C-alpha atoms as a PDB file:
ATOM      1  CA  UNK A   1     145.585  54.608 -85.270  1.00  0.00           C
ATOM      2  CA  UNK A   2     148.442  56.942 -85.960  1.00  0.00           C
ATOM      3  CA  UNK A   3     150.115  56.947 -89.377  1.00  0.00           C
ATOM      4  CA  UNK A   4     153.867  57.404 -89.619  1.00  0.00           C
ATOM      5  CA  UNK A   5     155.974  58.001 -92.850  1.00  0.00           C
ATOM      6  CA  UNK A   6     159.759  57.554 -92.890  1.00  0.00           C
ATOM      7  CA  UNK A   7     161.235  59.534 -95.768  1.00  0.00           C
ATOM      8  CA  UNK A   8     164.750  59.080 -97.278  1.00  0.00           C
ATOM      9  CA  UNK A   9     166.399  59.725-100.577  1.00  0.00           C
ATOM     10  CA  UNK A  10     166.089  56.260-102.040  1.00  0.00           C
ATOM     11  CA  UNK A  11     164.082  54.174 -99.670  1.00  0.00           C
ATOM     12  CA  UNK A  12     166.834  51.502 -99.601  1.00  0.00           C
ATOM     13  CA  UNK A  13     168.612  51.853 -96.299  1.00  0.00           C
ATOM     14  CA  UNK A  14     167.971  54.224 -93.623  1.00  0.00           C
ATOM     15  CA  UNK A  15     164.143  54.636 -94.130  1.00  0.00           C
ATOM     16  CA  UNK A  16     163.873  50.777 -94.308  1.00  0.00           C
ATOM     17  CA  UNK A  17     165.758  50.320 -91.071  1.00  0.00           C
ATOM     18  CA  UNK A  18     163.687  52.823 -89.366  1.00  0.00           C
ATOM     19  CA  UNK A  19     160.346  51.264 -90.736  1.00  0.00           C
ATOM     20  CA  UNK A  20     161.512  47.882 -89.443  1.00  0.00           C
ATOM     21  CA  UNK A  21     162.445  49.284 -85.959  1.00  0.00           C
ATOM     22  CA  UNK A  22     159.302  51.379 -85.603  1.00  0.00           C
ATOM     23  CA  UNK A  23     157.077  48.535 -86.545  1.00  0.00           C
ATOM     24  CA  UNK A  24     158.855  46.447 -84.098  1.00  0.00           C
ATOM     25  CA  UNK A  25     158.601  48.902 -81.138  1.00  0.00           C
ATOM     26  CA  UNK A  26     155.164  50.308 -82.072  1.00  0.00           C
ATOM     27  CA  UNK A  27     153.394  46.950 -82.441  1.00  0.00           C
ATOM     28  CA  UNK A  28     149.720  47.514 -83.409  1.00  0.00           C
ATOM     29  CA  UNK A  29     149.768  51.252 -82.042  1.00  0.00           C
ATOM     30  CA  UNK A  30     150.592  52.553 -85.444  1.00  0.00           C
ATOM     31  CA  UNK A  31     150.693  52.141 -89.199  1.00  0.00           C
ATOM     32  CA  UNK A  32     154.303  52.595 -90.280  1.00  0.00           C
ATOM     33  CA  UNK A  33     155.288  53.374 -93.969  1.00  0.00           C
ATOM     34  CA  UNK A  34     158.688  54.337 -95.672  1.00  0.00           C
ATOM     35  CA  UNK A  35     159.201  55.920 -98.915  1.00  0.00           C
ATOM     36  CA  UNK A  36     161.799  57.907-100.705  1.00  0.00           C
ATOM     37  CA  UNK A  37     161.944  60.832-103.170  1.00  0.00           C
ATOM     38  CA  UNK A  38     163.480  58.289-105.476  1.00  0.00           C
ATOM     39  CA  UNK A  39     163.311  54.376-105.514  1.00  0.00           C
ATOM     40  CA  UNK A  40     166.672  52.537-105.425  1.00  0.00           C
ATOM     41  CA  UNK A  41     165.514  49.139-104.260  1.00  0.00           C
ATOM     42  CA  UNK A  42     165.748  47.517-100.796  1.00  0.00           C
ATOM     43  CA  UNK A  43     169.693  47.335-100.113  1.00  0.00           C
ATOM     44  CA  UNK A  44     170.677  43.527 -99.066  1.00  0.00           C
ATOM     45  CA  UNK A  45     172.872  44.895 -96.254  1.00  0.00           C
ATOM     46  CA  UNK A  46     170.024  46.604 -94.687  1.00  0.00           C
ATOM     47  CA  UNK A  47     168.218  43.319 -94.579  1.00  0.00           C
ATOM     48  CA  UNK A  48     171.162  41.547 -93.127  1.00  0.00           C
ATOM     49  CA  UNK A  49     171.761  43.888 -90.384  1.00  0.00           C
ATOM     50  CA  UNK A  50     168.108  43.866 -89.562  1.00  0.00           C
ATOM     51  CA  UNK A  51     168.237  40.119 -89.359  1.00  0.00           C
ATOM     52  CA  UNK A  52     170.970  40.366 -86.939  1.00  0.00           C
ATOM     53  CA  UNK A  53     168.420  42.220 -84.676  1.00  0.00           C
ATOM     54  CA  UNK A  54     165.847  39.627 -85.208  1.00  0.00           C
ATOM     55  CA  UNK A  55     163.831  41.818 -87.569  1.00  0.00           C
ATOM     56  CA  UNK A  56     162.899  40.599 -91.042  1.00  0.00           C
ATOM     57  CA  UNK A  57     162.516  43.278 -93.614  1.00  0.00           C
ATOM     58  CA  UNK A  58     163.015  41.248 -96.622  1.00  0.00           C
ATOM     59  CA  UNK A  59     159.372  41.497 -97.652  1.00  0.00           C
ATOM     60  CA  UNK A  60     159.771  45.374 -97.617  1.00  0.00           C
ATOM     61  CA  UNK A  61     159.509  47.195-101.044  1.00  0.00           C
ATOM     62  CA  UNK A  62     161.232  50.402-102.080  1.00  0.00           C
ATOM     63  CA  UNK A  63     158.402  53.043-102.431  1.00  0.00           C
ATOM     64  CA  UNK A  64     158.038  56.516-103.945  1.00  0.00           C
ATOM     65  CA  UNK A  65     156.703  59.117-101.669  1.00  0.00           C
ATOM     66  CA  UNK A  66     153.826  59.775-104.229  1.00  0.00           C
ATOM     67  CA  UNK A  67     152.259  56.343-103.589  1.00  0.00           C
ATOM     68  CA  UNK A  68     151.267  57.594-100.276  1.00  0.00           C
ATOM     69  CA  UNK A  69     149.592  60.992-101.448  1.00  0.00           C
ATOM     70  CA  UNK A  70     146.208  59.736-100.171  1.00  0.00           C
ATOM     71  CA  UNK A  71     147.181  58.842 -96.617  1.00  0.00           C
ATOM     72  CA  UNK A  72     146.703  61.240 -93.840  1.00  0.00           C
ATOM     73  CA  UNK A  73     149.829  61.091 -91.789  1.00  0.00           C
ATOM     74  CA  UNK A  74     150.223  62.084 -88.084  1.00  0.00           C
ATOM     75  CA  UNK A  75     154.316  62.016 -88.357  1.00  0.00           C
ATOM     76  CA  UNK A  76     156.633  62.481 -91.273  1.00  0.00           C
ATOM     77  CA  UNK A  77     160.206  61.719 -90.167  1.00  0.00           C
ATOM     78  CA  UNK A  78     162.973  62.573 -92.607  1.00  0.00           C
ATOM     79  CA  UNK A  79     166.133  60.584 -92.022  1.00  0.00           C
ATOM     80  CA  UNK A  80     168.406  62.415 -94.314  1.00  0.00           C
ATOM     81  CA  UNK A  81     169.221  65.927 -95.078  1.00  0.00           C
ATOM     82  CA  UNK A  82     168.624  65.417 -98.912  1.00  0.00           C
ATOM     83  CA  UNK A  83     165.044  64.047 -98.535  1.00  0.00           C
ATOM     84  CA  UNK A  84     164.342  66.978 -96.238  1.00  0.00           C
ATOM     85  CA  UNK A  85     165.506  69.582 -98.641  1.00  0.00           C
ATOM     86  CA  UNK A  86     164.608  67.797-101.891  1.00  0.00           C
ATOM     87  CA  UNK A  87     161.070  66.303-101.049  1.00  0.00           C
ATOM     88  CA  UNK A  88     158.491  67.555-103.510  1.00  0.00           C
ATOM     89  CA  UNK A  89     155.619  69.272-101.964  1.00  0.00           C
ATOM     90  CA  UNK A  90     153.810  66.869 -99.631  1.00  0.00           C
ATOM     91  CA  UNK A  91     150.426  68.204 -98.463  1.00  0.00           C
ATOM     92  CA  UNK A  92     149.889  67.239 -94.910  1.00  0.00           C
ATOM     93  CA  UNK A  93     149.165  68.412 -91.312  1.00  0.00           C
ATOM     94  CA  UNK A  94     151.574  65.959 -90.006  1.00  0.00           C
ATOM     95  CA  UNK A  95     154.212  66.878 -87.531  1.00  0.00           C
ATOM     96  CA  UNK A  96     157.452  66.830 -89.311  1.00  0.00           C
ATOM     97  CA  UNK A  97     160.510  65.494 -87.502  1.00  0.00           C
ATOM     98  CA  UNK A  98     164.153  65.233 -88.932  1.00  0.00           C
ATOM     99  CA  UNK A  99     167.326  63.455 -87.966  1.00  0.00           C
ATOM    100  CA  UNK A 100     170.241  63.296 -90.526  1.00  0.00           C
ATOM    101  CA  UNK A 101     171.510  59.751 -90.133  1.00  0.00           C
ATOM    102  CA  UNK A 102     174.832  58.847 -92.000  1.00  0.00           C
ATOM    103  CA  UNK A 103     174.242  56.762 -95.241  1.00  0.00           C
ATOM    104  CA  UNK A 104     175.807  53.239 -94.574  1.00  0.00           C
ATOM    105  CA  UNK A 105     175.385  52.508 -98.286  1.00  0.00           C
ATOM    106  CA  UNK A 106     178.291  54.935 -98.922  1.00  0.00           C
ATOM    107  CA  UNK A 107     180.679  53.086 -96.652  1.00  0.00           C
ATOM    108  CA  UNK A 108     183.993  51.811 -98.066  1.00  0.00           C
ATOM    109  CA  UNK A 109     186.580  49.334 -97.000  1.00  0.00           C
ATOM    110  CA  UNK A 110     186.281  45.665 -96.519  1.00  0.00           C
ATOM    111  CA  UNK A 111     183.088  43.781 -96.384  1.00  0.00           C
ATOM    112  CA  UNK A 112     183.350  43.602 -92.525  1.00  0.00           C
ATOM    113  CA  UNK A 113     184.201  47.426 -92.311  1.00  0.00           C
ATOM    114  CA  UNK A 114     181.185  48.143 -94.527  1.00  0.00           C
ATOM    115  CA  UNK A 115     178.846  45.854 -92.399  1.00  0.00           C
ATOM    116  CA  UNK A 116     180.082  47.441 -89.316  1.00  0.00           C
ATOM    117  CA  UNK A 117     179.038  50.940 -90.681  1.00  0.00           C
ATOM    118  CA  UNK A 118     175.595  49.448 -91.289  1.00  0.00           C
ATOM    119  CA  UNK A 119     175.493  48.180 -87.726  1.00  0.00           C
ATOM    120  CA  UNK A 120     176.646  51.495 -86.294  1.00  0.00           C
ATOM    121  CA  UNK A 121     173.912  53.380 -88.287  1.00  0.00           C
ATOM    122  CA  UNK A 122     171.310  50.692 -87.297  1.00  0.00           C
ATOM    123  CA  UNK A 123     172.064  51.119 -83.705  1.00  0.00           C
ATOM    124  CA  UNK A 124     171.473  54.802 -84.075  1.00  0.00           C
ATOM    125  CA  UNK A 125     168.175  54.329 -85.904  1.00  0.00           C
ATOM    126  CA  UNK A 126     167.159  51.650 -83.389  1.00  0.00           C
ATOM    127  CA  UNK A 127     167.679  54.092 -80.431  1.00  0.00           C
ATOM    128  CA  UNK A 128     165.830  57.041 -82.378  1.00  0.00           C
ATOM    129  CA  UNK A 129     162.901  54.745 -83.230  1.00  0.00           C
ATOM    130  CA  UNK A 130     162.545  53.457 -79.636  1.00  0.00           C
ATOM    131  CA  UNK A 131     162.609  57.063 -78.256  1.00  0.00           C
ATOM    132  CA  UNK A 132     160.041  58.058 -80.972  1.00  0.00           C
ATOM    133  CA  UNK A 133     157.650  55.324 -80.015  1.00  0.00           C
ATOM    134  CA  UNK A 134     158.051  55.948 -76.327  1.00  0.00           C
ATOM    135  CA  UNK A 135     157.421  59.730 -76.910  1.00  0.00           C
ATOM    136  CA  UNK A 136     154.724  59.709 -79.470  1.00  0.00           C
ATOM    137  CA  UNK A 137     153.006  56.359 -79.888  1.00  0.00           C
ATOM    138  CA  UNK A 138     152.684  55.039 -76.450  1.00  0.00           C
ATOM    139  CA  UNK A 139     149.197  54.804 -74.979  1.00  0.00           C
END
């Protein structure tokens, strides 16, 4: 069983979306975790946009990367430049992958404009997650 860690700055939006999609697409083929270099709490808009895709992440928690120091990861995916550059030393033999997704939590405008940005980023992460599972976790 492969272990995958998705790493972001605060483990509130992008890494939570990726964890949800990766779990959905990987099924029982992998253990999926997400964490941040800080802990900001689960963003309610991330929960809402995932529910629109039929995926419930309301039970996810915001976790610090240090909580997973004892897990041997096969893949570590950073989903923002800040996490890639600021991540404390993380001893692992894991294959490291990176994609800098825009931060939907920084969106401004009306509620609908903000949710549209969450949907746009969610769609990007969904595509990335599907491709990752197809390329790395399919048996």
